């Protein structure tokens, strides 16, 4: 199965953080990413939510997260 990857801007929208935070996460190894042939960075969506406790702290109930994720993807 192929992993879903999104732009940095889309990742920011999905988790509600700034671009700087995403870049800090990349530098710190907190998210997985790939570079395109053109040099752009794409963030793997499944790496944005590794810790369920952090996820619930950010979005509340899991249902809220899943609704938000499916609306934005």
C-alpha atoms as a PDB file:
ATOM      1  CA  UNK A   1       0.000   0.000   0.000  1.00  0.00           C
ATOM      2  CA  UNK A   2       1.290   3.434  -0.912  1.00  0.00           C
ATOM      3  CA  UNK A   3       1.624   5.999   1.883  1.00  0.00           C
ATOM      4  CA  UNK A   4      -0.193   9.334   1.557  1.00  0.00           C
ATOM      5  CA  UNK A   5       2.163  12.333   1.479  1.00  0.00           C
ATOM      6  CA  UNK A   6       1.129  15.986   1.617  1.00  0.00           C
ATOM      7  CA  UNK A   7       2.824  19.342   1.205  1.00  0.00           C
ATOM      8  CA  UNK A   8       4.144  21.230   4.197  1.00  0.00           C
ATOM      9  CA  UNK A   9       1.296  23.741   3.905  1.00  0.00           C
ATOM     10  CA  UNK A  10      -1.289  20.921   3.906  1.00  0.00           C
ATOM     11  CA  UNK A  11       0.428  19.265   6.885  1.00  0.00           C
ATOM     12  CA  UNK A  12       0.210  22.590   8.741  1.00  0.00           C
ATOM     13  CA  UNK A  13      -3.522  22.761   8.054  1.00  0.00           C
ATOM     14  CA  UNK A  14      -4.091  19.167   9.143  1.00  0.00           C
ATOM     15  CA  UNK A  15      -2.418  19.509  12.533  1.00  0.00           C
ATOM     16  CA  UNK A  16      -2.868  23.246  13.150  1.00  0.00           C
ATOM     17  CA  UNK A  17       0.768  24.259  13.469  1.00  0.00           C
ATOM     18  CA  UNK A  18       3.056  26.711  11.673  1.00  0.00           C
ATOM     19  CA  UNK A  19       5.440  25.893   8.838  1.00  0.00           C
ATOM     20  CA  UNK A  20       8.334  26.539  11.213  1.00  0.00           C
ATOM     21  CA  UNK A  21       6.992  23.841  13.544  1.00  0.00           C
ATOM     22  CA  UNK A  22       6.799  21.336  10.678  1.00  0.00           C
ATOM     23  CA  UNK A  23      10.391  22.151   9.693  1.00  0.00           C
ATOM     24  CA  UNK A  24      11.458  21.731  13.334  1.00  0.00           C
ATOM     25  CA  UNK A  25       9.719  18.348  13.414  1.00  0.00           C
ATOM     26  CA  UNK A  26      11.568  17.340  10.229  1.00  0.00           C
ATOM     27  CA  UNK A  27      14.912  18.401  11.703  1.00  0.00           C
ATOM     28  CA  UNK A  28      14.127  16.616  14.972  1.00  0.00           C
ATOM     29  CA  UNK A  29      13.055  13.409  13.226  1.00  0.00           C
ATOM     30  CA  UNK A  30       9.495  13.675  14.548  1.00  0.00           C
ATOM     31  CA  UNK A  31       7.870  13.277  11.127  1.00  0.00           C
ATOM     32  CA  UNK A  32       8.798  11.218   8.099  1.00  0.00           C
ATOM     33  CA  UNK A  33       9.143  12.938   4.755  1.00  0.00           C
ATOM     34  CA  UNK A  34      10.329  12.517   1.198  1.00  0.00           C
ATOM     35  CA  UNK A  35      11.765  14.961  -1.310  1.00  0.00           C
ATOM     36  CA  UNK A  36      10.254  15.065  -4.774  1.00  0.00           C
ATOM     37  CA  UNK A  37      12.386  15.064  -7.913  1.00  0.00           C
ATOM     38  CA  UNK A  38      11.946  18.855  -7.968  1.00  0.00           C
ATOM     39  CA  UNK A  39      13.236  19.201  -4.404  1.00  0.00           C
ATOM     40  CA  UNK A  40       9.906  19.855  -2.651  1.00  0.00           C
ATOM     41  CA  UNK A  41       9.246  18.224   0.706  1.00  0.00           C
ATOM     42  CA  UNK A  42       6.222  15.977   1.227  1.00  0.00           C
ATOM     43  CA  UNK A  43       5.212  14.833   4.714  1.00  0.00           C
ATOM     44  CA  UNK A  44       3.814  11.329   5.226  1.00  0.00           C
ATOM     45  CA  UNK A  45       0.370  11.830   6.785  1.00  0.00           C
ATOM     46  CA  UNK A  46       0.630   8.760   8.998  1.00  0.00           C
ATOM     47  CA  UNK A  47       3.766  10.190  10.644  1.00  0.00           C
ATOM     48  CA  UNK A  48       1.903  13.314  11.791  1.00  0.00           C
ATOM     49  CA  UNK A  49      -0.058  11.346  14.423  1.00  0.00           C
ATOM     50  CA  UNK A  50       2.185   8.733  15.966  1.00  0.00           C
ATOM     51  CA  UNK A  51       1.259   9.455  19.583  1.00  0.00           C
ATOM     52  CA  UNK A  52      -2.481   8.962  20.306  1.00  0.00           C
ATOM     53  CA  UNK A  53      -2.279  11.024  23.528  1.00  0.00           C
ATOM     54  CA  UNK A  54      -0.845  14.005  21.674  1.00  0.00           C
ATOM     55  CA  UNK A  55      -3.472  13.524  19.019  1.00  0.00           C
ATOM     56  CA  UNK A  56      -6.320  13.583  21.525  1.00  0.00           C
ATOM     57  CA  UNK A  57      -4.833  16.606  23.287  1.00  0.00           C
ATOM     58  CA  UNK A  58      -4.785  18.478  19.986  1.00  0.00           C
ATOM     59  CA  UNK A  59      -8.155  17.387  18.580  1.00  0.00           C
ATOM     60  CA  UNK A  60     -10.211  16.029  21.456  1.00  0.00           C
ATOM     61  CA  UNK A  61     -12.221  12.908  20.715  1.00  0.00           C
ATOM     62  CA  UNK A  62     -10.903  10.590  18.031  1.00  0.00           C
ATOM     63  CA  UNK A  63     -14.080  11.049  16.020  1.00  0.00           C
ATOM     64  CA  UNK A  64     -13.312  14.756  15.684  1.00  0.00           C
ATOM     65  CA  UNK A  65      -9.879  13.973  14.299  1.00  0.00           C
ATOM     66  CA  UNK A  66     -11.134  11.452  11.778  1.00  0.00           C
ATOM     67  CA  UNK A  67     -13.842  13.850  10.579  1.00  0.00           C
ATOM     68  CA  UNK A  68     -11.249  16.633  10.209  1.00  0.00           C
ATOM     69  CA  UNK A  69      -8.772  14.390   8.429  1.00  0.00           C
ATOM     70  CA  UNK A  70     -11.290  13.048   5.929  1.00  0.00           C
ATOM     71  CA  UNK A  71     -12.622  16.550   5.163  1.00  0.00           C
ATOM     72  CA  UNK A  72      -9.144  17.916   4.411  1.00  0.00           C
ATOM     73  CA  UNK A  73      -7.754  14.983   2.409  1.00  0.00           C
END
